Amino acid sequence: MTIQRSRGALVWALAGVIVALFAGAVSVRADIKIGFIDSDRIFAEYPKTREAQESFNREVQELSKTAKEKKTEIDELQRKLDQQGPMLSEAKKDEQNREIQRKSSEYETFVQTNWGPGGRISKLNEEYLKPIVDRVHAIVAEFGTEEGYSLILDAADGNVVFGDKALDLSVRVLLALCQEDEGTRRTTPRTNQRTGTNQNTGNQGQQ
């Protein structure tokens, strides 16, 4: 079973800029800086995603094994009842039918609890992927804030029909994730491309 990501777009926008766009503020449009990521690519190439998939699969396989054992037990009881039915009293057949029904009900509850909407599988999926999703969100937000982006879209959600590869931040996000894992990532002063000033030097005059 493949671990699935929710399809919420990784979109980070400055509300004032968006309002201005819809209002037709041409002067603001000239200052807009847009980028995009491909989260499908990020999740496919990031090693921790594969580790999460393997852990997820192990738990799902264990649940699947239990479900199969429950179903096999029910099938075996039904097979025995079919074979021995002619030799059993009505009371004994009723007793065995009730046992089969009880176990069938338990089996259906087990399947629904684990594979149904909001079940254990869904929660496992979120448990293993949410930390990675949150880190991607944080890195994208950091890029947006530090580098003056007005909008960063996610191509995987169909928000980008065409985009210049120079605007694609996917590789940078992947690199940032790996550097965080290695403990080598450092945030460095970046130049605001709108003003030409260093964004991390605002307090130097006070030192």
C-alpha atoms as a PDB file:
ATOM      1  CA  MET A   1       0.000   0.000   0.000  1.00  0.00           C
ATOM      2  CA  THR A   2       1.377   3.355  -0.996  1.00  0.00           C
ATOM      3  CA  ILE A   3       1.498   6.177   1.477  1.00  0.00           C
ATOM      4  CA  GLN A   4      -0.585   9.104   0.245  1.00  0.00           C
ATOM      5  CA  ARG A   5      -0.144  12.825   0.700  1.00  0.00           C
ATOM      6  CA  SER A   6      -3.100  15.107   1.168  1.00  0.00           C
ATOM      7  CA  ARG A   7      -3.646  17.348  -1.824  1.00  0.00           C
ATOM      8  CA  GLY A   8      -3.558  20.691  -0.030  1.00  0.00           C
ATOM      9  CA  ALA A   9      -1.502  23.088  -2.117  1.00  0.00           C
ATOM     10  CA  LEU A  10       1.714  24.410  -0.635  1.00  0.00           C
ATOM     11  CA  VAL A  11       0.793  28.019  -1.335  1.00  0.00           C
ATOM     12  CA  TRP A  12       2.317  30.914   0.532  1.00  0.00           C
ATOM     13  CA  ALA A  13       0.995  34.377  -0.356  1.00  0.00           C
ATOM     14  CA  LEU A  14       1.038  37.913   0.955  1.00  0.00           C
ATOM     15  CA  ALA A  15      -2.625  38.751   1.367  1.00  0.00           C
ATOM     16  CA  GLY A  16      -2.193  42.396   0.438  1.00  0.00           C
ATOM     17  CA  VAL A  17      -0.513  41.514  -2.833  1.00  0.00           C
ATOM     18  CA  ILE A  18      -3.270  39.069  -3.792  1.00  0.00           C
ATOM     19  CA  VAL A  19      -5.956  41.629  -3.027  1.00  0.00           C
ATOM     20  CA  ALA A  20      -4.087  44.149  -5.130  1.00  0.00           C
ATOM     21  CA  LEU A  21      -3.855  41.703  -8.019  1.00  0.00           C
ATOM     22  CA  PHE A  22      -7.570  41.096  -8.077  1.00  0.00           C
ATOM     23  CA  ALA A  23      -8.142  44.824  -7.825  1.00  0.00           C
ATOM     24  CA  GLY A  24      -5.978  45.314 -10.919  1.00  0.00           C
ATOM     25  CA  ALA A  25      -3.142  47.191  -9.228  1.00  0.00           C
ATOM     26  CA  VAL A  26      -0.630  47.252 -12.093  1.00  0.00           C
ATOM     27  CA  SER A  27       2.030  49.058 -10.088  1.00  0.00           C
ATOM     28  CA  VAL A  28       2.102  46.215  -7.560  1.00  0.00           C
ATOM     29  CA  ARG A  29       2.262  43.531 -10.254  1.00  0.00           C
ATOM     30  CA  ALA A  30       5.610  44.800 -11.432  1.00  0.00           C
ATOM     31  CA  ASP A  31       7.097  43.936  -8.012  1.00  0.00           C
ATOM     32  CA  ILE A  32       5.663  40.456  -7.729  1.00  0.00           C
ATOM     33  CA  LYS A  33       8.159  37.630  -7.285  1.00  0.00           C
ATOM     34  CA  ILE A  34       6.784  34.165  -7.955  1.00  0.00           C
ATOM     35  CA  GLY A  35       8.286  30.707  -7.560  1.00  0.00           C
ATOM     36  CA  PHE A  36       7.040  27.151  -7.482  1.00  0.00           C
ATOM     37  CA  ILE A  37       7.917  23.706  -6.180  1.00  0.00           C
ATOM     38  CA  ASP A  38       7.009  20.199  -7.318  1.00  0.00           C
ATOM     39  CA  SER A  39       6.129  18.453  -4.075  1.00  0.00           C
ATOM     40  CA  ASP A  40       5.678  15.104  -5.855  1.00  0.00           C
ATOM     41  CA  ARG A  41       9.298  15.270  -6.937  1.00  0.00           C
ATOM     42  CA  ILE A  42      10.436  16.377  -3.483  1.00  0.00           C
ATOM     43  CA  PHE A  43       8.664  13.479  -1.789  1.00  0.00           C
ATOM     44  CA  ALA A  44       9.858  10.988  -4.418  1.00  0.00           C
ATOM     45  CA  GLU A  45      13.521  11.988  -4.131  1.00  0.00           C
ATOM     46  CA  TYR A  46      13.787  12.727  -0.414  1.00  0.00           C
ATOM     47  CA  PRO A  47      15.287   9.671   1.389  1.00  0.00           C
ATOM     48  CA  LYS A  48      13.215  10.170   4.545  1.00  0.00           C
ATOM     49  CA  THR A  49      10.044   9.709   2.487  1.00  0.00           C
ATOM     50  CA  ARG A  50      11.210   6.233   1.497  1.00  0.00           C
ATOM     51  CA  GLU A  51      11.942   5.462   5.147  1.00  0.00           C
ATOM     52  CA  ALA A  52       8.454   6.671   6.092  1.00  0.00           C
ATOM     53  CA  GLN A  53       6.966   4.500   3.335  1.00  0.00           C
ATOM     54  CA  GLU A  54       8.806   1.430   4.609  1.00  0.00           C
ATOM     55  CA  SER A  55       7.666   2.016   8.198  1.00  0.00           C
ATOM     56  CA  PHE A  56       4.111   2.637   7.008  1.00  0.00           C
ATOM     57  CA  ASN A  57       4.174  -0.556   4.924  1.00  0.00           C
ATOM     58  CA  ARG A  58       5.362  -2.633   7.877  1.00  0.00           C
ATOM     59  CA  GLU A  59       2.440  -1.525  10.022  1.00  0.00           C
ATOM     60  CA  VAL A  60      -0.071  -1.968   7.203  1.00  0.00           C
ATOM     61  CA  GLN A  61       1.275  -5.443   6.474  1.00  0.00           C
ATOM     62  CA  GLU A  62       0.847  -6.399  10.126  1.00  0.00           C
ATOM     63  CA  LEU A  63      -2.759  -5.191  10.077  1.00  0.00           C
ATOM     64  CA  SER A  64      -3.345  -6.997   6.778  1.00  0.00           C
ATOM     65  CA  LYS A  65      -1.948 -10.203   8.265  1.00  0.00           C
ATOM     66  CA  THR A  66      -4.352  -9.972  11.206  1.00  0.00           C
ATOM     67  CA  ALA A  67      -7.279  -9.291   8.873  1.00  0.00           C
ATOM     68  CA  LYS A  68      -6.350 -12.281   6.725  1.00  0.00           C
ATOM     69  CA  GLU A  69      -6.124 -14.536   9.783  1.00  0.00           C
ATOM     70  CA  LYS A  70      -9.586 -13.424  10.923  1.00  0.00           C
ATOM     71  CA  LYS A  71     -11.051 -14.067   7.469  1.00  0.00           C
ATOM     72  CA  THR A  72      -9.363 -17.470   7.214  1.00  0.00           C
ATOM     73  CA  GLU A  73     -10.818 -18.473  10.587  1.00  0.00           C
ATOM     74  CA  ILE A  74     -14.312 -17.513   9.444  1.00  0.00           C
ATOM     75  CA  ASP A  75     -13.922 -19.401   6.158  1.00  0.00           C
ATOM     76  CA  GLU A  76     -12.712 -22.493   8.021  1.00  0.00           C
ATOM     77  CA  LEU A  77     -15.665 -22.404  10.417  1.00  0.00           C
ATOM     78  CA  GLN A  78     -18.044 -22.061   7.493  1.00  0.00           C
ATOM     79  CA  ARG A  79     -16.357 -24.939   5.645  1.00  0.00           C
ATOM     80  CA  LYS A  80     -16.684 -27.225   8.676  1.00  0.00           C
ATOM     81  CA  LEU A  81     -20.308 -26.259   9.137  1.00  0.00           C
ATOM     82  CA  ASP A  82     -21.067 -27.011   5.494  1.00  0.00           C
ATOM     83  CA  GLN A  83     -19.381 -30.425   5.778  1.00  0.00           C
ATOM     84  CA  GLN A  84     -20.816 -31.448   9.142  1.00  0.00           C
ATOM     85  CA  GLY A  85     -24.199 -29.766   8.790  1.00  0.00           C
ATOM     86  CA  PRO A  86     -26.185 -32.873   7.893  1.00  0.00           C
ATOM     87  CA  MET A  87     -24.887 -34.653  11.003  1.00  0.00           C
ATOM     88  CA  LEU A  88     -25.495 -31.794  13.456  1.00  0.00           C
ATOM     89  CA  SER A  89     -28.591 -31.048  15.466  1.00  0.00           C
ATOM     90  CA  GLU A  90     -30.463 -27.846  14.756  1.00  0.00           C
ATOM     91  CA  ALA A  91     -29.318 -26.451  18.099  1.00  0.00           C
ATOM     92  CA  LYS A  92     -25.660 -27.170  17.247  1.00  0.00           C
ATOM     93  CA  LYS A  93     -26.001 -25.646  13.771  1.00  0.00           C
ATOM     94  CA  ASP A  94     -27.576 -22.533  15.253  1.00  0.00           C
ATOM     95  CA  GLU A  95     -24.737 -22.281  17.756  1.00  0.00           C
ATOM     96  CA  GLN A  96     -22.092 -22.514  15.047  1.00  0.00           C
ATOM     97  CA  ASN A  97     -23.930 -20.054  12.817  1.00  0.00           C
ATOM     98  CA  ARG A  98     -24.025 -17.572  15.686  1.00  0.00           C
ATOM     99  CA  GLU A  99     -20.272 -18.050  16.183  1.00  0.00           C
ATOM    100  CA  ILE A 100     -19.631 -17.419  12.493  1.00  0.00           C
ATOM    101  CA  GLN A 101     -21.816 -14.314  12.574  1.00  0.00           C
ATOM    102  CA  ARG A 102     -20.022 -13.033  15.670  1.00  0.00           C
ATOM    103  CA  LYS A 103     -16.610 -13.493  14.134  1.00  0.00           C
ATOM    104  CA  SER A 104     -17.792 -12.001  10.828  1.00  0.00           C
ATOM    105  CA  SER A 105     -19.026  -8.935  12.695  1.00  0.00           C
ATOM    106  CA  GLU A 106     -15.665  -8.649  14.479  1.00  0.00           C
ATOM    107  CA  TYR A 107     -13.869  -8.962  11.159  1.00  0.00           C
ATOM    108  CA  GLU A 108     -15.979  -6.243   9.515  1.00  0.00           C
ATOM    109  CA  THR A 109     -15.419  -3.947  12.498  1.00  0.00           C
ATOM    110  CA  PHE A 110     -11.673  -4.580  12.322  1.00  0.00           C
ATOM    111  CA  VAL A 111     -11.586  -3.744   8.594  1.00  0.00           C
ATOM    112  CA  GLN A 112     -13.689  -0.611   9.028  1.00  0.00           C
ATOM    113  CA  THR A 113     -11.666   0.559  12.024  1.00  0.00           C
ATOM    114  CA  ASN A 114      -8.399   0.248  10.148  1.00  0.00           C
ATOM    115  CA  TRP A 115      -9.239   0.847   6.469  1.00  0.00           C
ATOM    116  CA  GLY A 116     -12.396   2.940   6.753  1.00  0.00           C
ATOM    117  CA  PRO A 117     -12.587   6.763   6.595  1.00  0.00           C
ATOM    118  CA  GLY A 118     -10.560   8.237   9.441  1.00  0.00           C
ATOM    119  CA  GLY A 119      -9.316   4.774  10.349  1.00  0.00           C
ATOM    120  CA  ARG A 120      -5.948   3.560  11.554  1.00  0.00           C
ATOM    121  CA  ILE A 121      -4.427   3.465   8.057  1.00  0.00           C
ATOM    122  CA  SER A 122      -5.352   7.073   7.435  1.00  0.00           C
ATOM    123  CA  LYS A 123      -3.901   8.086  10.790  1.00  0.00           C
ATOM    124  CA  LEU A 124      -0.697   6.152  10.131  1.00  0.00           C
ATOM    125  CA  ASN A 125      -0.399   7.879   6.784  1.00  0.00           C
ATOM    126  CA  GLU A 126      -0.622  11.276   8.459  1.00  0.00           C
ATOM    127  CA  GLU A 127       1.646  10.218  11.308  1.00  0.00           C
ATOM    128  CA  TYR A 128       4.496   9.263   8.996  1.00  0.00           C
ATOM    129  CA  LEU A 129       4.167  12.049   6.432  1.00  0.00           C
ATOM    130  CA  LYS A 130       3.036  15.062   8.440  1.00  0.00           C
ATOM    131  CA  PRO A 131       6.498  15.799   9.905  1.00  0.00           C
ATOM    132  CA  ILE A 132       7.957  15.918   6.377  1.00  0.00           C
ATOM    133  CA  VAL A 133       5.072  18.024   5.058  1.00  0.00           C
ATOM    134  CA  ASP A 134       5.514  20.461   7.942  1.00  0.00           C
ATOM    135  CA  ARG A 135       9.244  20.777   7.213  1.00  0.00           C
ATOM    136  CA  VAL A 136       8.602  21.454   3.530  1.00  0.00           C
ATOM    137  CA  HIS A 137       6.056  24.111   4.512  1.00  0.00           C
ATOM    138  CA  ALA A 138       8.557  25.725   6.869  1.00  0.00           C
ATOM    139  CA  ILE A 139      11.354  25.778   4.290  1.00  0.00           C
ATOM    140  CA  VAL A 140       9.087  27.213   1.592  1.00  0.00           C
ATOM    141  CA  ALA A 141       7.829  29.852   4.018  1.00  0.00           C
ATOM    142  CA  GLU A 142      11.421  30.710   4.903  1.00  0.00           C
ATOM    143  CA  PHE A 143      12.340  31.146   1.238  1.00  0.00           C
ATOM    144  CA  GLY A 144       9.263  33.301   0.749  1.00  0.00           C
ATOM    145  CA  THR A 145      10.010  35.545   3.709  1.00  0.00           C
ATOM    146  CA  GLU A 146      13.769  35.880   3.315  1.00  0.00           C
ATOM    147  CA  GLU A 147      13.817  36.298  -0.446  1.00  0.00           C
ATOM    148  CA  GLY A 148      10.770  38.472  -0.940  1.00  0.00           C
ATOM    149  CA  TYR A 149       8.489  36.025  -2.738  1.00  0.00           C
ATOM    150  CA  SER A 150       4.884  37.113  -3.141  1.00  0.00           C
ATOM    151  CA  LEU A 151       3.688  33.672  -4.167  1.00  0.00           C
ATOM    152  CA  ILE A 152       5.109  30.135  -4.185  1.00  0.00           C
ATOM    153  CA  LEU A 153       2.932  27.516  -5.862  1.00  0.00           C
ATOM    154  CA  ASP A 154       2.960  23.724  -5.919  1.00  0.00           C
ATOM    155  CA  ALA A 155       3.077  22.282  -9.460  1.00  0.00           C
ATOM    156  CA  ALA A 156       1.964  18.885  -8.141  1.00  0.00           C
ATOM    157  CA  ASP A 157      -1.459  20.324  -7.314  1.00  0.00           C
ATOM    158  CA  GLY A 158      -2.062  21.604 -10.826  1.00  0.00           C
ATOM    159  CA  ASN A 159      -1.400  25.224  -9.935  1.00  0.00           C
ATOM    160  CA  VAL A 160       1.383  25.603 -12.505  1.00  0.00           C
ATOM    161  CA  VAL A 161       0.556  24.968 -16.157  1.00  0.00           C
ATOM    162  CA  PHE A 162       3.866  26.423 -17.311  1.00  0.00           C
ATOM    163  CA  GLY A 163       6.831  27.686 -15.361  1.00  0.00           C
ATOM    164  CA  ASP A 164      10.342  28.782 -16.175  1.00  0.00           C
ATOM    165  CA  LYS A 165      12.744  26.251 -14.643  1.00  0.00           C
ATOM    166  CA  ALA A 166      14.599  29.165 -13.084  1.00  0.00           C
ATOM    167  CA  LEU A 167      11.561  29.664 -10.833  1.00  0.00           C
ATOM    168  CA  ASP A 168      11.538  26.039  -9.650  1.00  0.00           C
ATOM    169  CA  LEU A 169      12.644  25.816  -5.998  1.00  0.00           C
ATOM    170  CA  SER A 170      12.266  22.035  -5.699  1.00  0.00           C
ATOM    171  CA  VAL A 171      15.982  21.224  -5.724  1.00  0.00           C
ATOM    172  CA  ARG A 172      16.663  23.900  -3.140  1.00  0.00           C
ATOM    173  CA  VAL A 173      13.945  22.499  -0.873  1.00  0.00           C
ATOM    174  CA  LEU A 174      15.388  18.988  -1.257  1.00  0.00           C
ATOM    175  CA  LEU A 175      18.867  20.278  -0.446  1.00  0.00           C
ATOM    176  CA  ALA A 176      17.569  22.143   2.601  1.00  0.00           C
ATOM    177  CA  LEU A 177      15.821  18.995   3.892  1.00  0.00           C
ATOM    178  CA  CYS A 178      19.000  16.928   3.505  1.00  0.00           C
ATOM    179  CA  GLN A 179      21.145  19.611   5.129  1.00  0.00           C
ATOM    180  CA  GLU A 180      18.753  19.735   8.093  1.00  0.00           C
ATOM    181  CA  ASP A 181      19.106  15.960   8.468  1.00  0.00           C
ATOM    182  CA  GLU A 182      22.887  16.286   8.428  1.00  0.00           C
ATOM    183  CA  GLY A 183      22.852  19.246  10.775  1.00  0.00           C
ATOM    184  CA  THR A 184      24.742  21.356   8.247  1.00  0.00           C
ATOM    185  CA  ARG A 185      22.046  23.779   7.208  1.00  0.00           C
ATOM    186  CA  ARG A 186      22.651  27.427   7.990  1.00  0.00           C
ATOM    187  CA  THR A 187      20.469  30.355   7.135  1.00  0.00           C
ATOM    188  CA  THR A 188      22.591  33.016   5.479  1.00  0.00           C
ATOM    189  CA  PRO A 189      21.902  36.722   4.949  1.00  0.00           C
ATOM    190  CA  ARG A 190      20.116  37.181   1.659  1.00  0.00           C
ATOM    191  CA  THR A 191      19.740  40.272  -0.443  1.00  0.00           C
ATOM    192  CA  ASN A 192      16.231  41.544  -0.919  1.00  0.00           C
ATOM    193  CA  GLN A 193      15.923  41.559  -4.678  1.00  0.00           C
ATOM    194  CA  ARG A 194      13.415  44.381  -4.564  1.00  0.00           C
ATOM    195  CA  THR A 195      15.411  46.822  -2.475  1.00  0.00           C
ATOM    196  CA  GLY A 196      18.976  45.582  -2.942  1.00  0.00           C
ATOM    197  CA  THR A 197      19.498  45.623   0.826  1.00  0.00           C
ATOM    198  CA  ASN A 198      20.614  42.844   3.123  1.00  0.00           C
ATOM    199  CA  GLN A 199      17.581  41.653   5.089  1.00  0.00           C
ATOM    200  CA  ASN A 200      19.570  40.413   8.068  1.00  0.00           C
ATOM    201  CA  THR A 201      21.439  43.627   8.819  1.00  0.00           C
ATOM    202  CA  GLY A 202      18.541  45.667  10.159  1.00  0.00           C
ATOM    203  CA  ASN A 203      19.853  45.635  13.740  1.00  0.00           C
ATOM    204  CA  GLN A 204      23.525  46.222  13.059  1.00  0.00           C
ATOM    205  CA  GLY A 205      23.276  49.930  13.724  1.00  0.00           C
ATOM    206  CA  GLN A 206      22.130  49.194  17.245  1.00  0.00           C
ATOM    207  CA  GLN A 207      25.160  47.069  18.135  1.00  0.00           C
END
